[in-house]
Structures are given as C-alpha cells and as structure tokens.
Amino acid sequence: MSDPPKTPRIALLGIPIEIGASQRGTLMGPDALRTAGIGRVLEQLGFVVEDHGNLAVAAVSSAERPPLANAKYYHEIKAWIRALGERAFVLARSGAIPVFMGGDHSLSMGSVNGVARYWQEQGRPLFVLWLDAHADYNTPDTTETGNMHGMSAAFLCGEPGLDGLLGDQPRVSIATDQLDLFGIRSIDPLEKELVRNRRIAIADMRAIDEFGVGVLIRRVIERVKAQDGVLHVSFDVDFLDPAVAPGVGTTVPGGATYREAHLVMELLHDSGLVRSVDIVELNPFLDERGRTARVAVELIGSLFGLQITDRPTPSNAVFPDNT
C-alpha cells in the first residue's frame, strides 16, 4: 500500500526592505499581507502554512565604505540579499513552497538566487515570470535613478555591475531565455536597448491588449514544460492598473485589470509549475483602506487554487513535496 500524499506546505517569509526604491513604505508590506489574511486563505485551500516571520539583518554602516556608483544603498541592500539568499535556499530545500512577502523588488536578487541554487541541485531549470509594470533590467551603467529595485531582473540574468552582492554565496544566474517580462509598460531608454540586445521575452500591455493574457501566459507555460522546468513568479503589485491597486510607489496607468490578473494566476495554478513566489512593492502607506493588500491576497489565492466556480483541477496541478 502506498503512503498517503503529504499535505503541501507553504513557507511565508516577510522581507521588510524599502531602501531599494525611492518611495518609503514597503517595509510595512509583509504585515499588511498578513492582516489581509494571506495565511488564512492558503490554509483554507488545504496548505499547511508556516509563517517564518520577518527577516531581519544587522544595521550596516556604509560611512567607511565608498558607495557603488549609480547603485544607492548598495552596502545595506547587500546585507539583505545575502541573508535572504541563504534563507530562500533553506526554505526551498525544506520541501515547502516559499512565498516571499516584500518589501521592494530588490529582494528578488536574493529570493530567486536562493531557490535557483536549490533547483540547480535537482537538475531542473528555474524560469522566472516577472509580473511588473517595469522591466527592472537596469544596471549601474544604464540606470537613470540608481534605485536598485530597478536592477533586480538584470542581476538574475548575470548582468555585470553588482557582482559582489552575494559574497561567498554561489551566484546561480538564469539564462535570458528563462526570464519573461509580463505586463511591462515603462522602460528606460538604455534599459530598453539592453533588453532588446539580450532578446528577452516581453509581453507588454500592447501585446496583452492584442492577444489576451490567456494566449501569452500559455506560451510561457509551454516553454517551461518543454524544458522540464519550474517557475518562480515575481509579482509586483504595480503589474495591476492603479485603479485596482493604488498602494504602490511607482504607479503606471494602463495595467492589468482585476480579471486579467486572476486569469493569469488561475492558468499558472493549472500548470502545476509554480514552486516559489515574490509579492513585492506593496506600500500600505499609499493604499486605500487596505484595498491593494486584499487584492494581492485574492490573487495569491487564485495562484494556489482558489476558484470562483468549481471545475476539475488538472492532474498536473499538484504540489509535491520537494524532498
């Protein structure tokens, strides 16, 4: 007789970092997601939810170190990235599905590197779906602001300029064809040139308007499946239109609608490929009575199986124990 299937586990970890962005307030994001009921929703979907609290790092003084040109708060962010990279690796190795609650998007440099290390051990490629209004593919040489939350996707693909961030930790970069930028509607001139030269897949809002999110997300899913890969979803809440999610520091009009975003999450759930998630750039200070936090939690519910109407779940949409 075979053993009964193990109850799938989700590990929540808050990363209250805000210095990667110009607008303060994202450090309150993790607790806003908790208040909006993220743990309760996931438990109702049948997951064992382990809340690991908020990551903390020792204060870093950069007074005695020269700042890195065009990378603000480099030394402070380096401390966050190193701590998070190690925790992400350990959480992925535990067999749980890590959900990293931010915090600004610079945290992805640690979260994705950590889970990529784990999947490299397993011999499976990690793909990253970047749900965002911005490409975040700047480097210190291309950035117009120096804000490191705009460099996170470039770092993941091994672009030069931030090579010392991880210290002695292995840097497990993903190939440029393992990154999908989805929902993009704001990109800097030099950043645009770099993305084009690297031939990174972009589904901007024009493409979404023309083809629909269903067609475009299925293309991502099929490419991951074809290489027996797994998927990390890096969800910046500014992927959504500001009318749906006002609680972000860098709003860009013309984003995804409420239903488009839910369809994206529902199709990703059906694929059975998602093994780790970021939720970033939620700024409760700019929100309207917790509205954006509630929408984010609803979308994470859809990502993990919440359905408006009951329908058969595909057999491949199973979250096995990774151990």
Foldseek 3Di string as FASTA:
>chain_A
DDDDFDFAAEEEEEEQADQLDPDDFWNCFVVLLVVLPLPVLVVVLRHHYHYPYYDDFDDDDCPVPDDQQLAPPLVVLLRLQQVLLQVLLVCLVQQHQYEYTTDAQLNLLRNVQNNQVNVVVVVAGEAEEELAQEPLCDASVQDPRNRNSSNRLVVLQPHDHSVPSNPPDDGRHHHLQRYEYEQYDDYGDVSVVVCVVSVHHYCYLVNCVVPNLVVVLVVNLVVSVVRVHAYEYEHELLLEACVQAVQFDDHDHDHDYLVSLLVSLLVLLLSLRYRYYYYHRGRPVRGDPSRNSNSVSVSVSSNNPDDPDDDDRDPSSDSHRPD
